[in-house]
Amino acid sequence: MTAKVCLVTGASSGIGHATALELLRAGHIVYGAARRVRKMDDLRAAGGHPLKMDARDEDDLRRAVGTVLDEHQRIDVLVNNAGTVLHGAVEDVPLDRARDQLEVNLLAPARLVQLVLPAMRAQRSGTIVNVSSIGGEIALPFGAWYYASKHALEAFSDTLRMEVEPFGIDVVIIQPGIVKTEFEDQTAAQLREYSGRGAYREMAEAMARHGETGLSDGSDPSVVVDAIRRAVESENPETRYAVGHLAEKLLELNRTLPDREFDRLAMRATK
């Protein structure tokens, strides 16, 4: 297998960190980008290339892609994994926080796509992996802006896939279900901060308590990492990989149940 030049964002923790290390073990050339460079010391020790990058900073995005291209004159894989999550009732969450959610989860990945595409088109090959969520298709209470960002990322990816297919470029969406990472560590605190004292306080508190205990059955991040590696190394990857605890089941329920029946199912977390 020929080693691929890969850029993985959000590589300082969770799925991104594990993905960067797995692609290294598989023999690929890996650049891991994140704000917390010190948390990628093991990536450097394993032969990877940590890059400091804030997804909100245009100069950082340009610098990350430019570094890869300057050193290898190609880029084969972009894994858009960096993201944030925001919880609170629509009525309560300040719009500046909503804008930040869209900036990190949608616009930063889109900008990185724009930056890598000229090189991928020139080499007539490439794989763009956008890490979404089952929340790219379903929605639950108190996560409107997170789900909006992931729904938008999936629509963006679907359009992108059609546009770049003639140039030999694949676009893949990863849809993790319930996975044990630090990503959701702030869920309860956010719910209480934004919606813990107003009209939605009882529902928010119930969901906060559920969030503090609800990840016990979550899948190990390795199931997501394995899907990303399969997509990266496949000559004909699937367009979507739904992986992790309850991913396929919840997606199937959302696709088949009438809306109000799925609403009743989703609202159980607020009781």
C-alpha atoms as a PDB file:
ATOM      1  CA  MET A   1       0.000   0.000   0.000  1.00  0.00           C
ATOM      2  CA  THR A   2       1.297   3.440  -0.902  1.00  0.00           C
ATOM      3  CA  ALA A   3       1.546   5.807   2.053  1.00  0.00           C
ATOM      4  CA  LYS A   4      -0.904   8.694   1.878  1.00  0.00           C
ATOM      5  CA  VAL A   5      -0.284  12.230   3.072  1.00  0.00           C
ATOM      6  CA  CYS A   6      -3.022  12.972   5.615  1.00  0.00           C
ATOM      7  CA  LEU A   7      -4.181  16.053   7.507  1.00  0.00           C
ATOM      8  CA  VAL A   8      -6.344  15.285  10.558  1.00  0.00           C
ATOM      9  CA  THR A   9      -7.969  18.121  12.479  1.00  0.00           C
ATOM     10  CA  GLY A  10      -8.956  17.992  16.126  1.00  0.00           C
ATOM     11  CA  ALA A  11      -6.003  15.670  16.662  1.00  0.00           C
ATOM     12  CA  SER A  12      -5.244  16.554  20.279  1.00  0.00           C
ATOM     13  CA  SER A  13      -7.970  14.380  21.808  1.00  0.00           C
ATOM     14  CA  GLY A  14     -10.730  11.857  21.256  1.00  0.00           C
ATOM     15  CA  ILE A  15     -11.504  10.526  17.814  1.00  0.00           C
ATOM     16  CA  GLY A  16      -9.084  12.859  16.036  1.00  0.00           C
ATOM     17  CA  HIS A  17      -6.149  11.890  18.225  1.00  0.00           C
ATOM     18  CA  ALA A  18      -6.871   8.179  17.891  1.00  0.00           C
ATOM     19  CA  THR A  19      -7.330   8.549  14.123  1.00  0.00           C
ATOM     20  CA  ALA A  20      -3.994  10.291  13.664  1.00  0.00           C
ATOM     21  CA  LEU A  21      -2.181   7.574  15.617  1.00  0.00           C
ATOM     22  CA  GLU A  22      -3.977   4.770  13.745  1.00  0.00           C
ATOM     23  CA  LEU A  23      -3.143   6.227  10.337  1.00  0.00           C
ATOM     24  CA  LEU A  24       0.474   6.505  11.452  1.00  0.00           C
ATOM     25  CA  ARG A  25       0.494   2.859  12.533  1.00  0.00           C
ATOM     26  CA  ALA A  26      -0.904   1.968   9.122  1.00  0.00           C
ATOM     27  CA  GLY A  27       2.127   3.563   7.469  1.00  0.00           C
ATOM     28  CA  HIS A  28       0.686   6.880   6.334  1.00  0.00           C
ATOM     29  CA  ILE A  29       2.252  10.332   6.660  1.00  0.00           C
ATOM     30  CA  VAL A  30       0.137  12.182   9.204  1.00  0.00           C
ATOM     31  CA  TYR A  31      -0.186  15.827  10.166  1.00  0.00           C
ATOM     32  CA  GLY A  32      -2.334  16.375  13.232  1.00  0.00           C
ATOM     33  CA  ALA A  33      -3.793  19.844  13.689  1.00  0.00           C
ATOM     34  CA  ALA A  34      -5.219  21.230  16.922  1.00  0.00           C
ATOM     35  CA  ARG A  35      -4.986  24.165  19.299  1.00  0.00           C
ATOM     36  CA  ARG A  36      -3.411  22.106  22.101  1.00  0.00           C
ATOM     37  CA  VAL A  37      -0.101  21.117  20.553  1.00  0.00           C
ATOM     38  CA  ARG A  38       1.309  19.770  23.822  1.00  0.00           C
ATOM     39  CA  LYS A  39      -1.354  17.086  23.852  1.00  0.00           C
ATOM     40  CA  MET A  40       0.088  15.712  20.614  1.00  0.00           C
ATOM     41  CA  ASP A  41       3.569  14.893  21.982  1.00  0.00           C
ATOM     42  CA  ASP A  42       2.865  11.179  21.530  1.00  0.00           C
ATOM     43  CA  LEU A  43       1.898  11.841  17.921  1.00  0.00           C
ATOM     44  CA  ARG A  44       5.263  13.497  17.352  1.00  0.00           C
ATOM     45  CA  ALA A  45       7.055  10.652  19.143  1.00  0.00           C
ATOM     46  CA  ALA A  46       5.313   8.156  16.861  1.00  0.00           C
ATOM     47  CA  GLY A  47       6.566   9.977  13.768  1.00  0.00           C
ATOM     48  CA  GLY A  48       3.646  12.316  13.141  1.00  0.00           C
ATOM     49  CA  HIS A  49       3.691  16.059  12.605  1.00  0.00           C
ATOM     50  CA  PRO A  50       1.700  18.159  15.089  1.00  0.00           C
ATOM     51  CA  LEU A  51       0.479  21.529  13.814  1.00  0.00           C
ATOM     52  CA  LYS A  52      -0.986  24.323  15.908  1.00  0.00           C
ATOM     53  CA  MET A  53      -4.323  25.302  14.390  1.00  0.00           C
ATOM     54  CA  ASP A  54      -7.372  27.137  15.667  1.00  0.00           C
ATOM     55  CA  ALA A  55     -10.330  26.295  13.440  1.00  0.00           C
ATOM     56  CA  ARG A  56     -11.584  29.868  13.836  1.00  0.00           C
ATOM     57  CA  ASP A  57      -8.392  31.422  12.455  1.00  0.00           C
ATOM     58  CA  GLU A  58      -8.085  31.800   8.671  1.00  0.00           C
ATOM     59  CA  ASP A  59      -4.310  32.234   8.890  1.00  0.00           C
ATOM     60  CA  ASP A  60      -3.997  29.006  10.868  1.00  0.00           C
ATOM     61  CA  LEU A  61      -6.049  27.097   8.303  1.00  0.00           C
ATOM     62  CA  ARG A  62      -3.917  28.399   5.444  1.00  0.00           C
ATOM     63  CA  ARG A  63      -0.712  27.697   7.343  1.00  0.00           C
ATOM     64  CA  ALA A  64      -1.686  24.092   8.133  1.00  0.00           C
ATOM     65  CA  VAL A  65      -2.518  23.199   4.539  1.00  0.00           C
ATOM     66  CA  GLY A  66       0.457  25.178   3.234  1.00  0.00           C
ATOM     67  CA  THR A  67       2.845  23.303   5.502  1.00  0.00           C
ATOM     68  CA  VAL A  68       1.666  19.924   4.221  1.00  0.00           C
ATOM     69  CA  LEU A  69       1.893  21.011   0.591  1.00  0.00           C
ATOM     70  CA  ASP A  70       5.297  22.685   1.031  1.00  0.00           C
ATOM     71  CA  GLU A  71       6.759  19.521   2.533  1.00  0.00           C
ATOM     72  CA  HIS A  72       5.151  16.904   0.264  1.00  0.00           C
ATOM     73  CA  GLN A  73       3.761  18.743  -2.779  1.00  0.00           C
ATOM     74  CA  ARG A  74       0.535  16.776  -2.406  1.00  0.00           C
ATOM     75  CA  ILE A  75      -2.238  16.042   0.044  1.00  0.00           C
ATOM     76  CA  ASP A  76      -4.160  12.800  -0.238  1.00  0.00           C
ATOM     77  CA  VAL A  77      -6.486  12.864   2.757  1.00  0.00           C
ATOM     78  CA  LEU A  78      -8.275  15.555   4.744  1.00  0.00           C
ATOM     79  CA  VAL A  79     -10.069  14.364   7.886  1.00  0.00           C
ATOM     80  CA  ASN A  80     -12.294  17.189   9.138  1.00  0.00           C
ATOM     81  CA  ASN A  81     -12.783  16.051  12.697  1.00  0.00           C
ATOM     82  CA  ALA A  82     -12.407  19.207  14.810  1.00  0.00           C
ATOM     83  CA  GLY A  83     -15.680  20.325  16.325  1.00  0.00           C
ATOM     84  CA  THR A  84     -17.493  21.637  19.364  1.00  0.00           C
ATOM     85  CA  VAL A  85     -20.867  20.919  20.913  1.00  0.00           C
ATOM     86  CA  LEU A  86     -23.383  23.347  22.388  1.00  0.00           C
ATOM     87  CA  HIS A  87     -26.385  22.511  24.559  1.00  0.00           C
ATOM     88  CA  GLY A  88     -29.266  24.688  25.651  1.00  0.00           C
ATOM     89  CA  ALA A  89     -32.783  25.614  24.593  1.00  0.00           C
ATOM     90  CA  VAL A  90     -33.123  27.597  21.376  1.00  0.00           C
ATOM     91  CA  GLU A  91     -34.705  30.455  23.329  1.00  0.00           C
ATOM     92  CA  ASP A  92     -31.808  30.600  25.803  1.00  0.00           C
ATOM     93  CA  VAL A  93     -28.596  30.146  23.798  1.00  0.00           C
ATOM     94  CA  PRO A  94     -26.964  33.475  22.785  1.00  0.00           C
ATOM     95  CA  LEU A  95     -26.591  33.820  19.042  1.00  0.00           C
ATOM     96  CA  ASP A  96     -22.891  34.614  19.343  1.00  0.00           C
ATOM     97  CA  ARG A  97     -22.409  31.102  20.719  1.00  0.00           C
ATOM     98  CA  ALA A  98     -24.522  29.713  17.874  1.00  0.00           C
ATOM     99  CA  ARG A  99     -22.355  31.546  15.333  1.00  0.00           C
ATOM    100  CA  ASP A 100     -19.247  30.064  16.914  1.00  0.00           C
ATOM    101  CA  GLN A 101     -20.769  26.590  16.660  1.00  0.00           C
ATOM    102  CA  LEU A 102     -21.383  27.050  12.948  1.00  0.00           C
ATOM    103  CA  GLU A 103     -17.935  28.576  12.465  1.00  0.00           C
ATOM    104  CA  VAL A 104     -16.130  25.581  13.951  1.00  0.00           C
ATOM    105  CA  ASN A 105     -18.381  22.744  12.815  1.00  0.00           C
ATOM    106  CA  LEU A 106     -19.250  23.919   9.312  1.00  0.00           C
ATOM    107  CA  LEU A 107     -17.313  26.897   7.993  1.00  0.00           C
ATOM    108  CA  ALA A 108     -13.845  25.789   9.135  1.00  0.00           C
ATOM    109  CA  PRO A 109     -14.198  22.361   7.473  1.00  0.00           C
ATOM    110  CA  ALA A 110     -15.552  24.083   4.368  1.00  0.00           C
ATOM    111  CA  ARG A 111     -12.568  26.442   4.259  1.00  0.00           C
ATOM    112  CA  LEU A 112     -10.114  23.562   4.619  1.00  0.00           C
ATOM    113  CA  VAL A 113     -11.879  21.811   1.744  1.00  0.00           C
ATOM    114  CA  GLN A 114     -11.416  24.916  -0.390  1.00  0.00           C
ATOM    115  CA  LEU A 115      -7.728  25.019   0.510  1.00  0.00           C
ATOM    116  CA  VAL A 116      -6.965  21.363  -0.303  1.00  0.00           C
ATOM    117  CA  LEU A 117      -9.050  21.004  -3.454  1.00  0.00           C
ATOM    118  CA  PRO A 118      -6.658  22.689  -5.929  1.00  0.00           C
ATOM    119  CA  ALA A 119      -3.929  20.175  -5.037  1.00  0.00           C
ATOM    120  CA  MET A 120      -6.316  17.221  -5.059  1.00  0.00           C
ATOM    121  CA  ARG A 121      -7.716  18.228  -8.444  1.00  0.00           C
ATOM    122  CA  ALA A 122      -4.219  18.611  -9.858  1.00  0.00           C
ATOM    123  CA  GLN A 123      -3.219  15.129  -8.699  1.00  0.00           C
ATOM    124  CA  ARG A 124      -6.630  13.714  -9.776  1.00  0.00           C
ATOM    125  CA  SER A 125      -7.132  11.964  -6.469  1.00  0.00           C
ATOM    126  CA  GLY A 126      -7.963  12.542  -2.826  1.00  0.00           C
ATOM    127  CA  THR A 127     -10.296  11.640   0.008  1.00  0.00           C
ATOM    128  CA  ILE A 128     -12.163  14.145   2.155  1.00  0.00           C
ATOM    129  CA  VAL A 129     -13.597  12.646   5.344  1.00  0.00           C
ATOM    130  CA  ASN A 130     -16.082  14.844   7.196  1.00  0.00           C
ATOM    131  CA  VAL A 131     -16.820  13.604  10.700  1.00  0.00           C
ATOM    132  CA  SER A 132     -20.477  14.315  11.317  1.00  0.00           C
ATOM    133  CA  SER A 133     -22.709  12.509  13.804  1.00  0.00           C
ATOM    134  CA  ILE A 134     -25.998  10.676  13.861  1.00  0.00           C
ATOM    135  CA  GLY A 135     -27.021  14.247  14.688  1.00  0.00           C
ATOM    136  CA  GLY A 136     -26.416  14.989  11.028  1.00  0.00           C
ATOM    137  CA  GLU A 137     -29.777  13.310  10.392  1.00  0.00           C
ATOM    138  CA  ILE A 138     -31.626  13.242  13.704  1.00  0.00           C
ATOM    139  CA  ALA A 139     -32.287  15.929  16.305  1.00  0.00           C
ATOM    140  CA  LEU A 140     -32.798  15.793  20.071  1.00  0.00           C
ATOM    141  CA  PRO A 141     -33.915  18.467  22.531  1.00  0.00           C
ATOM    142  CA  PHE A 142     -31.474  21.178  23.650  1.00  0.00           C
ATOM    143  CA  GLY A 143     -28.978  20.696  20.838  1.00  0.00           C
ATOM    144  CA  ALA A 144     -30.447  22.767  18.013  1.00  0.00           C
ATOM    145  CA  TRP A 145     -27.256  24.539  16.980  1.00  0.00           C
ATOM    146  CA  TYR A 146     -25.102  21.415  17.137  1.00  0.00           C
ATOM    147  CA  TYR A 147     -27.609  19.460  15.060  1.00  0.00           C
ATOM    148  CA  ALA A 148     -28.019  22.368  12.666  1.00  0.00           C
ATOM    149  CA  SER A 149     -24.255  22.437  12.117  1.00  0.00           C
ATOM    150  CA  LYS A 150     -24.074  18.701  11.467  1.00  0.00           C
ATOM    151  CA  HIS A 151     -27.144  18.656   9.202  1.00  0.00           C
ATOM    152  CA  ALA A 152     -25.505  21.449   7.226  1.00  0.00           C
ATOM    153  CA  LEU A 153     -22.165  19.614   7.105  1.00  0.00           C
ATOM    154  CA  GLU A 154     -23.878  16.580   5.606  1.00  0.00           C
ATOM    155  CA  ALA A 155     -25.729  18.603   2.964  1.00  0.00           C
ATOM    156  CA  PHE A 156     -22.465  20.387   2.170  1.00  0.00           C
ATOM    157  CA  SER A 157     -20.717  17.018   1.846  1.00  0.00           C
ATOM    158  CA  ASP A 158     -23.394  15.585  -0.431  1.00  0.00           C
ATOM    159  CA  THR A 159     -23.124  18.525  -2.819  1.00  0.00           C
ATOM    160  CA  LEU A 160     -19.320  18.476  -2.643  1.00  0.00           C
ATOM    161  CA  ARG A 161     -19.244  14.751  -3.468  1.00  0.00           C
ATOM    162  CA  MET A 162     -21.056  15.337  -6.739  1.00  0.00           C
ATOM    163  CA  GLU A 163     -18.923  18.318  -7.694  1.00  0.00           C
ATOM    164  CA  VAL A 164     -15.525  16.686  -7.167  1.00  0.00           C
ATOM    165  CA  GLU A 165     -16.249  13.145  -8.374  1.00  0.00           C
ATOM    166  CA  PRO A 166     -15.108  13.966 -11.944  1.00  0.00           C
ATOM    167  CA  PHE A 167     -11.673  14.835 -10.525  1.00  0.00           C
ATOM    168  CA  GLY A 168     -11.198  11.474  -8.813  1.00  0.00           C
ATOM    169  CA  ILE A 169     -11.897  12.836  -5.323  1.00  0.00           C
ATOM    170  CA  ASP A 170     -14.035  10.952  -2.788  1.00  0.00           C
ATOM    171  CA  VAL A 171     -16.134  12.605  -0.059  1.00  0.00           C
ATOM    172  CA  VAL A 172     -17.089  10.505   2.944  1.00  0.00           C
ATOM    173  CA  ILE A 173     -19.360  11.261   5.903  1.00  0.00           C
ATOM    174  CA  ILE A 174     -18.731   9.531   9.237  1.00  0.00           C
ATOM    175  CA  GLN A 175     -21.771   9.315  11.533  1.00  0.00           C
ATOM    176  CA  PRO A 176     -20.731   8.286  15.067  1.00  0.00           C
ATOM    177  CA  GLY A 177     -23.435   7.224  17.473  1.00  0.00           C
ATOM    178  CA  ILE A 178     -22.872   7.277  21.228  1.00  0.00           C
ATOM    179  CA  VAL A 179     -19.103   7.152  21.727  1.00  0.00           C
ATOM    180  CA  LYS A 180     -17.061   7.521  24.913  1.00  0.00           C
ATOM    181  CA  THR A 181     -14.914  10.649  24.461  1.00  0.00           C
ATOM    182  CA  GLU A 182     -14.409  13.919  26.336  1.00  0.00           C
ATOM    183  CA  PHE A 183     -16.511  15.633  23.670  1.00  0.00           C
ATOM    184  CA  GLU A 184     -19.677  15.543  25.775  1.00  0.00           C
ATOM    185  CA  ASP A 185     -18.020  16.381  29.104  1.00  0.00           C
ATOM    186  CA  GLN A 186     -19.559  19.863  29.153  1.00  0.00           C
ATOM    187  CA  THR A 187     -23.109  18.781  28.313  1.00  0.00           C
ATOM    188  CA  ALA A 188     -24.560  18.987  31.825  1.00  0.00           C
ATOM    189  CA  ALA A 189     -22.758  22.234  32.639  1.00  0.00           C
ATOM    190  CA  GLN A 190     -23.974  23.880  29.424  1.00  0.00           C
ATOM    191  CA  LEU A 191     -27.556  22.783  29.992  1.00  0.00           C
ATOM    192  CA  ARG A 192     -27.520  24.244  33.476  1.00  0.00           C
ATOM    193  CA  GLU A 193     -25.737  27.423  32.387  1.00  0.00           C
ATOM    194  CA  TYR A 194     -28.128  28.321  29.578  1.00  0.00           C
ATOM    195  CA  SER A 195     -31.409  26.660  30.521  1.00  0.00           C
ATOM    196  CA  GLY A 196     -31.102  25.692  34.174  1.00  0.00           C
ATOM    197  CA  ARG A 197     -33.074  28.607  35.632  1.00  0.00           C
ATOM    198  CA  GLY A 198     -35.757  29.549  33.112  1.00  0.00           C
ATOM    199  CA  ALA A 199     -38.838  28.068  31.534  1.00  0.00           C
ATOM    200  CA  TYR A 200     -36.998  24.923  30.407  1.00  0.00           C
ATOM    201  CA  ARG A 201     -35.236  24.204  33.711  1.00  0.00           C
ATOM    202  CA  GLU A 202     -37.020  20.946  34.554  1.00  0.00           C
ATOM    203  CA  MET A 203     -36.411  19.412  31.139  1.00  0.00           C
ATOM    204  CA  ALA A 204     -32.835  20.727  31.047  1.00  0.00           C
ATOM    205  CA  GLU A 205     -32.032  19.339  34.489  1.00  0.00           C
ATOM    206  CA  ALA A 206     -33.449  15.926  33.591  1.00  0.00           C
ATOM    207  CA  MET A 207     -31.354  15.861  30.440  1.00  0.00           C
ATOM    208  CA  ALA A 208     -28.285  17.039  32.350  1.00  0.00           C
ATOM    209  CA  ARG A 209     -28.645  14.189  34.819  1.00  0.00           C
ATOM    210  CA  HIS A 210     -29.149  11.772  31.940  1.00  0.00           C
ATOM    211  CA  GLY A 211     -26.018  13.140  30.254  1.00  0.00           C
ATOM    212  CA  GLU A 212     -23.952  12.612  33.389  1.00  0.00           C
ATOM    213  CA  THR A 213     -24.739   8.894  33.375  1.00  0.00           C
ATOM    214  CA  GLY A 214     -25.880   8.111  29.845  1.00  0.00           C
ATOM    215  CA  LEU A 215     -22.515   7.346  28.213  1.00  0.00           C
ATOM    216  CA  SER A 216     -21.871   4.147  30.176  1.00  0.00           C
ATOM    217  CA  ASP A 217     -22.951   2.123  27.150  1.00  0.00           C
ATOM    218  CA  GLY A 218     -21.079   4.262  24.643  1.00  0.00           C
ATOM    219  CA  SER A 219     -18.751   2.619  22.153  1.00  0.00           C
ATOM    220  CA  ASP A 220     -14.998   2.909  22.275  1.00  0.00           C
ATOM    221  CA  PRO A 221     -13.656   5.554  19.848  1.00  0.00           C
ATOM    222  CA  SER A 222     -11.817   2.759  18.038  1.00  0.00           C
ATOM    223  CA  VAL A 223     -14.998   1.836  16.137  1.00  0.00           C
ATOM    224  CA  VAL A 224     -15.048   5.315  14.585  1.00  0.00           C
ATOM    225  CA  VAL A 225     -11.314   5.249  13.937  1.00  0.00           C
ATOM    226  CA  ASP A 226     -11.645   1.923  12.138  1.00  0.00           C
ATOM    227  CA  ALA A 227     -14.334   3.378   9.870  1.00  0.00           C
ATOM    228  CA  ILE A 228     -12.178   6.392   9.048  1.00  0.00           C
ATOM    229  CA  ARG A 229      -9.234   4.170   8.201  1.00  0.00           C
ATOM    230  CA  ARG A 230     -11.401   1.985   5.957  1.00  0.00           C
ATOM    231  CA  ALA A 231     -12.619   5.063   4.143  1.00  0.00           C
ATOM    232  CA  VAL A 232      -9.098   6.456   3.750  1.00  0.00           C
ATOM    233  CA  GLU A 233      -7.662   3.217   2.399  1.00  0.00           C
ATOM    234  CA  SER A 234     -10.587   2.101   0.213  1.00  0.00           C
ATOM    235  CA  GLU A 235     -10.449   2.560  -3.539  1.00  0.00           C
ATOM    236  CA  ASN A 236     -14.220   2.991  -3.518  1.00  0.00           C
ATOM    237  CA  PRO A 237     -15.335   4.140  -0.066  1.00  0.00           C
ATOM    238  CA  GLU A 238     -18.933   4.287   1.028  1.00  0.00           C
ATOM    239  CA  THR A 239     -20.507   7.716   1.133  1.00  0.00           C
ATOM    240  CA  ARG A 240     -21.581   7.264   4.771  1.00  0.00           C
ATOM    241  CA  TYR A 241     -20.373   5.151   7.672  1.00  0.00           C
ATOM    242  CA  ALA A 242     -22.760   4.963  10.654  1.00  0.00           C
ATOM    243  CA  VAL A 243     -20.793   3.467  13.548  1.00  0.00           C
ATOM    244  CA  GLY A 244     -20.954   3.175  17.304  1.00  0.00           C
ATOM    245  CA  HIS A 245     -23.602   2.461  19.924  1.00  0.00           C
ATOM    246  CA  LEU A 246     -27.175   2.916  18.639  1.00  0.00           C
ATOM    247  CA  ALA A 247     -26.038   4.684  15.461  1.00  0.00           C
ATOM    248  CA  GLU A 248     -27.765   2.481  12.916  1.00  0.00           C
ATOM    249  CA  LYS A 249     -30.786   1.858  15.153  1.00  0.00           C
ATOM    250  CA  LEU A 250     -31.491   5.548  15.816  1.00  0.00           C
ATOM    251  CA  LEU A 251     -30.967   6.496  12.178  1.00  0.00           C
ATOM    252  CA  GLU A 252     -33.355   3.769  11.075  1.00  0.00           C
ATOM    253  CA  LEU A 253     -35.990   4.878  13.599  1.00  0.00           C
ATOM    254  CA  ASN A 254     -35.661   8.475  12.435  1.00  0.00           C
ATOM    255  CA  ARG A 255     -36.042   7.434   8.803  1.00  0.00           C
ATOM    256  CA  THR A 256     -39.094   5.230   9.375  1.00  0.00           C
ATOM    257  CA  LEU A 257     -41.110   6.616  12.296  1.00  0.00           C
ATOM    258  CA  PRO A 258     -43.546   9.490  11.816  1.00  0.00           C
ATOM    259  CA  ASP A 259     -42.030  12.728  13.138  1.00  0.00           C
ATOM    260  CA  ARG A 260     -44.181  12.972  16.253  1.00  0.00           C
ATOM    261  CA  GLU A 261     -43.467   9.377  17.229  1.00  0.00           C
ATOM    262  CA  PHE A 262     -39.741  10.033  16.989  1.00  0.00           C
ATOM    263  CA  ASP A 263     -40.268  13.245  18.980  1.00  0.00           C
ATOM    264  CA  ARG A 264     -41.852  11.253  21.804  1.00  0.00           C
ATOM    265  CA  LEU A 265     -38.937   8.840  21.761  1.00  0.00           C
ATOM    266  CA  ALA A 266     -36.401  11.664  21.858  1.00  0.00           C
ATOM    267  CA  MET A 267     -38.178  13.486  24.690  1.00  0.00           C
ATOM    268  CA  ARG A 268     -37.639  10.559  27.051  1.00  0.00           C
ATOM    269  CA  ALA A 269     -34.246  12.035  27.892  1.00  0.00           C
ATOM    270  CA  THR A 270     -35.968  15.104  29.355  1.00  0.00           C
ATOM    271  CA  LYS A 271     -38.157  13.182  31.815  1.00  0.00           C
END
